Amino acid sequence: MASDSDSDIGHEVIKTSKRFHDFLNSHDLEGLKTMYASNSVLMPPAHPIIRGNEDIIEFYKSLNREGATHGSISILDWNLIGPDMVYEQGMFTAYTTEGVPIDDGKYVTIWKKEGNDWKAYIDIANSNTRSNLQ
């Protein structure tokens, strides 16, 4: 059974994940960059590993150019890995400006505590339909 402290951490991470996706959906890439740890890693579908928040932001810019303009997530689970790390797993859907689904899949994000903030440290996504975005 989760302690009150664990539950508080879970609520913090869920709020952080929501803020992360709000930045992403509003195309606030400077805000999004603050959500990633300085030594972060992104492992997107059909792309090589991307290291560092500057290159991660360039990847998100390329997604916008390819037509994926916003998305939704459903958090399925989270759990503590240690005192300063939490994993989150869920499902995602990416949409065009017109609201047409362009991709969907599953993800795992490992959040790392840096100071008082939770930062995306390792972000992995797997597509169920990747053939629409190459």
N, C-alpha and C. Protein backbone atom coordinates (compact mmCIF):
# COMPACT_ATOMS: atom_id res chain seq x y z
N MET A 1 0.85 -1.19 0.00
CA MET A 1 0.00 0.00 0.00
C MET A 1 0.89 1.24 0.00
N ALA A 2 0.54 2.22 -0.82
CA ALA A 2 1.32 3.45 -0.92
C ALA A 2 1.14 4.30 0.32
N SER A 3 2.25 4.89 0.75
CA SER A 3 2.18 5.80 1.89
C SER A 3 1.61 7.14 1.43
N ASP A 4 1.26 7.99 2.40
CA ASP A 4 0.77 9.33 2.06
C ASP A 4 1.82 10.09 1.26
N SER A 5 3.09 9.90 1.62
CA SER A 5 4.19 10.56 0.92
C SER A 5 4.25 10.08 -0.53
N ASP A 6 4.12 8.76 -0.75
CA ASP A 6 4.11 8.22 -2.11
C ASP A 6 2.94 8.79 -2.90
N SER A 7 1.80 8.87 -2.27
CA SER A 7 0.61 9.41 -2.93
C SER A 7 0.82 10.87 -3.32
N ASP A 8 1.44 11.64 -2.42
CA ASP A 8 1.76 13.04 -2.72
C ASP A 8 2.68 13.14 -3.94
N ILE A 9 3.68 12.26 -3.99
CA ILE A 9 4.61 12.26 -5.12
C ILE A 9 3.85 11.92 -6.39
N GLY A 10 2.96 10.93 -6.33
CA GLY A 10 2.16 10.57 -7.50
C GLY A 10 1.34 11.73 -8.01
N HIS A 11 0.71 12.46 -7.10
CA HIS A 11 -0.07 13.64 -7.50
C HIS A 11 0.82 14.70 -8.13
N GLU A 12 2.03 14.90 -7.56
CA GLU A 12 2.98 15.87 -8.13
C GLU A 12 3.36 15.48 -9.56
N VAL A 13 3.65 14.20 -9.76
CA VAL A 13 4.08 13.74 -11.08
C VAL A 13 2.93 13.85 -12.09
N ILE A 14 1.73 13.52 -11.69
CA ILE A 14 0.58 13.65 -12.58
C ILE A 14 0.37 15.11 -12.97
N LYS A 15 0.49 16.03 -12.01
CA LYS A 15 0.38 17.45 -12.32
C LYS A 15 1.50 17.90 -13.25
N THR A 16 2.71 17.38 -13.01
CA THR A 16 3.86 17.73 -13.85
C THR A 16 3.64 17.21 -15.27
N SER A 17 3.15 16.00 -15.40
CA SER A 17 2.88 15.43 -16.71
C SER A 17 1.83 16.25 -17.46
N LYS A 18 0.81 16.68 -16.75
CA LYS A 18 -0.23 17.51 -17.38
C LYS A 18 0.38 18.84 -17.86
N ARG A 19 1.23 19.46 -17.03
CA ARG A 19 1.87 20.72 -17.43
C ARG A 19 2.77 20.50 -18.65
N PHE A 20 3.50 19.39 -18.66
CA PHE A 20 4.34 19.01 -19.80
C PHE A 20 3.51 18.98 -21.08
N HIS A 21 2.37 18.28 -21.04
CA HIS A 21 1.54 18.14 -22.23
C HIS A 21 0.80 19.43 -22.58
N ASP A 22 0.52 20.27 -21.59
CA ASP A 22 -0.05 21.59 -21.88
C ASP A 22 0.96 22.43 -22.67
N PHE A 23 2.23 22.40 -22.27
CA PHE A 23 3.28 23.11 -23.02
C PHE A 23 3.36 22.56 -24.45
N LEU A 24 3.35 21.25 -24.57
CA LEU A 24 3.46 20.62 -25.88
C LEU A 24 2.28 21.01 -26.78
N ASN A 25 1.07 20.94 -26.25
CA ASN A 25 -0.11 21.24 -27.06
C ASN A 25 -0.25 22.71 -27.40
N SER A 26 0.30 23.58 -26.56
CA SER A 26 0.22 25.01 -26.85
C SER A 26 1.43 25.50 -27.65
N HIS A 27 2.32 24.57 -28.02
CA HIS A 27 3.53 24.86 -28.80
C HIS A 27 4.48 25.80 -28.07
N ASP A 28 4.42 25.76 -26.73
CA ASP A 28 5.34 26.55 -25.91
C ASP A 28 6.60 25.72 -25.70
N LEU A 29 7.48 25.76 -26.71
CA LEU A 29 8.67 24.91 -26.69
C LEU A 29 9.69 25.36 -25.65
N GLU A 30 9.72 26.64 -25.34
CA GLU A 30 10.61 27.10 -24.26
C GLU A 30 10.13 26.55 -22.92
N GLY A 31 8.82 26.57 -22.70
CA GLY A 31 8.26 25.96 -21.49
C GLY A 31 8.52 24.47 -21.46
N LEU A 32 8.34 23.82 -22.60
CA LEU A 32 8.58 22.37 -22.68
C LEU A 32 10.02 22.03 -22.37
N LYS A 33 10.94 22.86 -22.86
CA LYS A 33 12.36 22.61 -22.61
C LYS A 33 12.67 22.59 -21.11
N THR A 34 11.96 23.40 -20.33
CA THR A 34 12.19 23.43 -18.88
C THR A 34 11.71 22.16 -18.19
N MET A 35 10.91 21.36 -18.89
CA MET A 35 10.37 20.14 -18.31
C MET A 35 11.33 18.96 -18.43
N TYR A 36 12.36 19.11 -19.24
CA TYR A 36 13.33 18.04 -19.45
C TYR A 36 14.57 18.26 -18.59
N ALA A 37 15.12 17.18 -18.06
CA ALA A 37 16.38 17.23 -17.33
C ALA A 37 17.49 17.62 -18.31
N SER A 38 18.55 18.20 -17.79
CA SER A 38 19.64 18.65 -18.65
C SER A 38 20.29 17.47 -19.38
N ASN A 39 20.26 16.29 -18.80
CA ASN A 39 20.86 15.10 -19.42
C ASN A 39 19.77 14.13 -19.90
N SER A 40 18.67 14.68 -20.39
CA SER A 40 17.52 13.87 -20.78
C SER A 40 17.77 13.10 -22.08
N VAL A 41 16.96 12.06 -22.24
CA VAL A 41 17.00 11.21 -23.43
C VAL A 41 15.57 11.01 -23.92
N LEU A 42 15.36 11.20 -25.22
CA LEU A 42 14.07 10.94 -25.85
C LEU A 42 14.27 9.80 -26.84
N MET A 43 13.38 8.80 -26.77
CA MET A 43 13.42 7.66 -27.69
C MET A 43 12.08 7.58 -28.42
N PRO A 44 11.92 8.42 -29.46
CA PRO A 44 10.64 8.45 -30.19
C PRO A 44 10.55 7.31 -31.21
N PRO A 45 9.33 6.99 -31.63
CA PRO A 45 9.16 5.95 -32.65
C PRO A 45 9.84 6.34 -33.96
N ALA A 46 10.46 5.37 -34.60
CA ALA A 46 11.03 5.52 -35.94
C ALA A 46 12.10 6.60 -36.03
N HIS A 47 12.77 6.89 -34.93
CA HIS A 47 13.83 7.90 -34.91
C HIS A 47 14.96 7.39 -34.03
N PRO A 48 16.18 7.87 -34.27
CA PRO A 48 17.28 7.52 -33.37
C PRO A 48 17.09 8.17 -31.99
N ILE A 49 17.88 7.73 -31.04
CA ILE A 49 17.86 8.32 -29.70
C ILE A 49 18.28 9.78 -29.81
N ILE A 50 17.57 10.63 -29.06
CA ILE A 50 17.85 12.07 -29.04
C ILE A 50 18.28 12.42 -27.62
N ARG A 51 19.43 13.09 -27.50
CA ARG A 51 19.99 13.42 -26.19
C ARG A 51 20.05 14.93 -25.99
N GLY A 52 19.63 15.36 -24.80
CA GLY A 52 19.72 16.77 -24.44
C GLY A 52 18.48 17.55 -24.83
N ASN A 53 18.10 18.49 -23.97
CA ASN A 53 16.83 19.18 -24.20
C ASN A 53 16.82 20.07 -25.44
N GLU A 54 17.96 20.59 -25.88
CA GLU A 54 17.98 21.40 -27.11
C GLU A 54 17.59 20.55 -28.32
N ASP A 55 18.20 19.38 -28.46
CA ASP A 55 17.89 18.51 -29.60
C ASP A 55 16.48 17.94 -29.49
N ILE A 56 16.01 17.71 -28.27
CA ILE A 56 14.64 17.23 -28.09
C ILE A 56 13.64 18.27 -28.59
N ILE A 57 13.89 19.53 -28.30
CA ILE A 57 13.00 20.59 -28.78
C ILE A 57 13.01 20.65 -30.30
N GLU A 58 14.17 20.47 -30.92
CA GLU A 58 14.23 20.44 -32.39
C GLU A 58 13.38 19.29 -32.94
N PHE A 59 13.39 18.16 -32.25
CA PHE A 59 12.54 17.04 -32.67
C PHE A 59 11.06 17.43 -32.63
N TYR A 60 10.63 18.08 -31.54
CA TYR A 60 9.23 18.48 -31.45
C TYR A 60 8.86 19.50 -32.53
N LYS A 61 9.79 20.38 -32.89
CA LYS A 61 9.54 21.30 -34.00
C LYS A 61 9.30 20.52 -35.29
N SER A 62 10.08 19.46 -35.51
CA SER A 62 9.92 18.65 -36.72
C SER A 62 8.58 17.94 -36.74
N LEU A 63 8.09 17.50 -35.57
CA LEU A 63 6.77 16.88 -35.51
C LEU A 63 5.69 17.85 -35.97
N ASN A 64 5.79 19.10 -35.53
CA ASN A 64 4.83 20.12 -35.96
C ASN A 64 4.87 20.30 -37.47
N ARG A 65 6.08 20.33 -38.04
CA ARG A 65 6.21 20.48 -39.49
C ARG A 65 5.60 19.28 -40.23
N GLU A 66 5.66 18.09 -39.62
CA GLU A 66 5.11 16.87 -40.22
C GLU A 66 3.59 16.80 -40.08
N GLY A 67 3.01 17.69 -39.28
CA GLY A 67 1.55 17.72 -39.17
C GLY A 67 0.97 17.29 -37.84
N ALA A 68 1.80 16.82 -36.93
CA ALA A 68 1.30 16.45 -35.59
C ALA A 68 1.31 17.71 -34.73
N THR A 69 0.14 18.30 -34.53
CA THR A 69 0.09 19.61 -33.87
C THR A 69 -0.34 19.57 -32.42
N HIS A 70 -0.99 18.50 -31.99
CA HIS A 70 -1.37 18.38 -30.58
C HIS A 70 -1.68 16.92 -30.27
N GLY A 71 -1.85 16.62 -28.99
CA GLY A 71 -2.09 15.24 -28.62
C GLY A 71 -2.81 15.11 -27.30
N SER A 72 -3.07 13.87 -26.96
CA SER A 72 -3.69 13.57 -25.67
C SER A 72 -2.99 12.35 -25.09
N ILE A 73 -3.03 12.27 -23.76
CA ILE A 73 -2.46 11.11 -23.08
C ILE A 73 -3.46 10.56 -22.09
N SER A 74 -3.25 9.33 -21.74
CA SER A 74 -3.99 8.68 -20.67
C SER A 74 -2.95 7.98 -19.80
N ILE A 75 -2.76 8.47 -18.58
CA ILE A 75 -1.80 7.86 -17.67
C ILE A 75 -2.42 6.58 -17.12
N LEU A 76 -1.73 5.47 -17.32
CA LEU A 76 -2.22 4.18 -16.86
C LEU A 76 -1.69 3.81 -15.48
N ASP A 77 -0.45 4.21 -15.20
CA ASP A 77 0.17 3.80 -13.94
C ASP A 77 1.39 4.67 -13.68
N TRP A 78 1.78 4.73 -12.45
CA TRP A 78 3.04 5.36 -12.05
C TRP A 78 3.53 4.62 -10.81
N ASN A 79 4.83 4.69 -10.55
CA ASN A 79 5.38 4.06 -9.37
C ASN A 79 6.74 4.66 -9.07
N LEU A 80 7.10 4.66 -7.80
CA LEU A 80 8.41 5.13 -7.39
C LEU A 80 9.47 4.13 -7.81
N ILE A 81 10.58 4.63 -8.32
CA ILE A 81 11.75 3.81 -8.62
C ILE A 81 12.76 3.96 -7.48
N GLY A 82 12.78 5.11 -6.88
CA GLY A 82 13.68 5.44 -5.79
C GLY A 82 13.22 6.75 -5.19
N PRO A 83 14.00 7.32 -4.29
CA PRO A 83 13.56 8.55 -3.62
C PRO A 83 13.42 9.75 -4.54
N ASP A 84 14.11 9.72 -5.69
CA ASP A 84 14.06 10.88 -6.59
C ASP A 84 13.72 10.49 -8.03
N MET A 85 13.11 9.31 -8.22
CA MET A 85 12.71 8.89 -9.57
C MET A 85 11.37 8.18 -9.52
N VAL A 86 10.57 8.47 -10.56
CA VAL A 86 9.24 7.88 -10.71
C VAL A 86 9.08 7.51 -12.17
N TYR A 87 8.44 6.37 -12.44
CA TYR A 87 8.07 6.11 -13.82
C TYR A 87 6.59 6.34 -13.99
N GLU A 88 6.23 6.76 -15.19
CA GLU A 88 4.84 6.96 -15.60
C GLU A 88 4.65 6.17 -16.89
N GLN A 89 3.57 5.42 -16.99
CA GLN A 89 3.29 4.73 -18.24
C GLN A 89 1.88 5.07 -18.69
N GLY A 90 1.71 5.14 -20.00
CA GLY A 90 0.39 5.50 -20.50
C GLY A 90 0.27 5.29 -21.99
N MET A 91 -0.81 5.83 -22.52
CA MET A 91 -1.15 5.77 -23.94
C MET A 91 -1.21 7.20 -24.47
N PHE A 92 -0.89 7.37 -25.75
CA PHE A 92 -0.96 8.70 -26.36
C PHE A 92 -1.67 8.62 -27.71
N THR A 93 -2.19 9.75 -28.12
CA THR A 93 -2.71 9.94 -29.48
C THR A 93 -2.24 11.31 -29.95
N ALA A 94 -1.70 11.37 -31.17
CA ALA A 94 -1.30 12.64 -31.78
C ALA A 94 -2.30 12.99 -32.87
N TYR A 95 -2.60 14.28 -33.01
CA TYR A 95 -3.63 14.76 -33.93
C TYR A 95 -3.08 15.84 -34.85
N THR A 96 -3.74 16.00 -35.99
CA THR A 96 -3.48 17.13 -36.89
C THR A 96 -4.25 18.34 -36.38
N THR A 97 -4.00 19.47 -37.00
CA THR A 97 -4.72 20.70 -36.64
C THR A 97 -6.23 20.50 -36.73
N GLU A 98 -6.66 19.69 -37.69
CA GLU A 98 -8.10 19.45 -37.89
C GLU A 98 -8.67 18.43 -36.90
N GLY A 99 -7.83 17.88 -36.05
CA GLY A 99 -8.29 16.91 -35.06
C GLY A 99 -8.32 15.47 -35.55
N VAL A 100 -7.66 15.22 -36.67
CA VAL A 100 -7.60 13.86 -37.21
C VAL A 100 -6.47 13.11 -36.51
N PRO A 101 -6.74 11.94 -35.95
CA PRO A 101 -5.65 11.16 -35.33
C PRO A 101 -4.61 10.78 -36.38
N ILE A 102 -3.35 11.04 -36.06
CA ILE A 102 -2.26 10.75 -36.99
C ILE A 102 -1.33 9.67 -36.45
N ASP A 103 -1.37 9.44 -35.14
CA ASP A 103 -0.54 8.41 -34.52
C ASP A 103 -1.10 8.11 -33.14
N ASP A 104 -0.90 6.88 -32.71
CA ASP A 104 -1.25 6.52 -31.34
C ASP A 104 -0.29 5.42 -30.88
N GLY A 105 -0.15 5.31 -29.58
CA GLY A 105 0.77 4.31 -29.05
C GLY A 105 0.84 4.36 -27.55
N LYS A 106 1.97 3.88 -27.04
CA LYS A 106 2.18 3.83 -25.59
C LYS A 106 3.53 4.48 -25.26
N TYR A 107 3.67 4.87 -24.00
CA TYR A 107 4.90 5.56 -23.60
C TYR A 107 5.26 5.20 -22.16
N VAL A 108 6.52 5.41 -21.85
CA VAL A 108 7.03 5.37 -20.48
C VAL A 108 7.90 6.60 -20.31
N THR A 109 7.65 7.36 -19.28
CA THR A 109 8.51 8.49 -18.92
C THR A 109 9.08 8.23 -17.54
N ILE A 110 10.38 8.39 -17.41
CA ILE A 110 11.02 8.35 -16.09
C ILE A 110 11.28 9.79 -15.70
N TRP A 111 10.65 10.17 -14.59
CA TRP A 111 10.79 11.52 -14.05
C TRP A 111 11.86 11.51 -12.97
N LYS A 112 12.73 12.52 -12.99
CA LYS A 112 13.81 12.65 -12.01
C LYS A 112 13.65 13.96 -11.27
N LYS A 113 13.78 13.91 -9.96
CA LYS A 113 13.67 15.12 -9.15
C LYS A 113 14.97 15.91 -9.27
N GLU A 114 14.86 17.17 -9.71
CA GLU A 114 16.00 18.09 -9.76
C GLU A 114 15.62 19.30 -8.95
N GLY A 115 16.24 19.46 -7.81
CA GLY A 115 15.84 20.53 -6.90
C GLY A 115 14.44 20.25 -6.41
N ASN A 116 13.53 21.19 -6.64
CA ASN A 116 12.13 21.00 -6.23
C ASN A 116 11.23 20.53 -7.37
N ASP A 117 11.80 20.31 -8.54
CA ASP A 117 11.00 20.02 -9.73
C ASP A 117 11.22 18.61 -10.24
N TRP A 118 10.16 18.02 -10.79
CA TRP A 118 10.25 16.75 -11.50
C TRP A 118 10.54 17.06 -12.95
N LYS A 119 11.57 16.41 -13.51
CA LYS A 119 11.98 16.62 -14.89
C LYS A 119 11.92 15.29 -15.65
N ALA A 120 11.53 15.35 -16.91
CA ALA A 120 11.55 14.16 -17.76
C ALA A 120 13.01 13.80 -18.01
N TYR A 121 13.39 12.63 -17.58
CA TYR A 121 14.78 12.17 -17.68
C TYR A 121 14.93 11.22 -18.86
N ILE A 122 14.08 10.22 -18.94
CA ILE A 122 14.06 9.29 -20.07
C ILE A 122 12.62 9.20 -20.54
N ASP A 123 12.40 9.47 -21.82
CA ASP A 123 11.06 9.53 -22.39
C ASP A 123 11.05 8.59 -23.61
N ILE A 124 10.26 7.53 -23.52
CA ILE A 124 10.22 6.50 -24.55
C ILE A 124 8.79 6.36 -25.06
N ALA A 125 8.63 6.35 -26.37
CA ALA A 125 7.30 6.15 -26.96
C ALA A 125 7.38 5.09 -28.04
N ASN A 126 6.33 4.30 -28.15
CA ASN A 126 6.21 3.29 -29.20
C ASN A 126 4.89 3.50 -29.90
N SER A 127 4.94 3.55 -31.22
CA SER A 127 3.76 3.80 -32.02
C SER A 127 3.01 2.51 -32.34
N ASN A 128 1.71 2.61 -32.37
CA ASN A 128 0.88 1.51 -32.86
C ASN A 128 0.59 1.67 -34.35
N THR A 129 0.74 2.89 -34.89
CA THR A 129 0.34 3.18 -36.27
C THR A 129 1.37 4.03 -37.01
N ARG A 130 2.57 3.97 -36.69
CA ARG A 130 3.61 4.88 -37.16
C ARG A 130 3.66 5.09 -38.66
N SER A 131 3.02 4.27 -39.45
CA SER A 131 3.13 4.41 -40.90
C SER A 131 2.62 5.76 -41.41
N ASN A 132 1.80 6.47 -40.63
CA ASN A 132 1.27 7.77 -41.06
C ASN A 132 2.27 8.90 -40.95
N LEU A 133 3.25 8.79 -40.08
CA LEU A 133 4.27 9.83 -39.90
C LEU A 133 5.65 9.22 -40.12
N GLN A 134 6.32 9.57 -41.14
CA GLN A 134 7.65 9.02 -41.39
C GLN A 134 8.69 10.09 -41.29
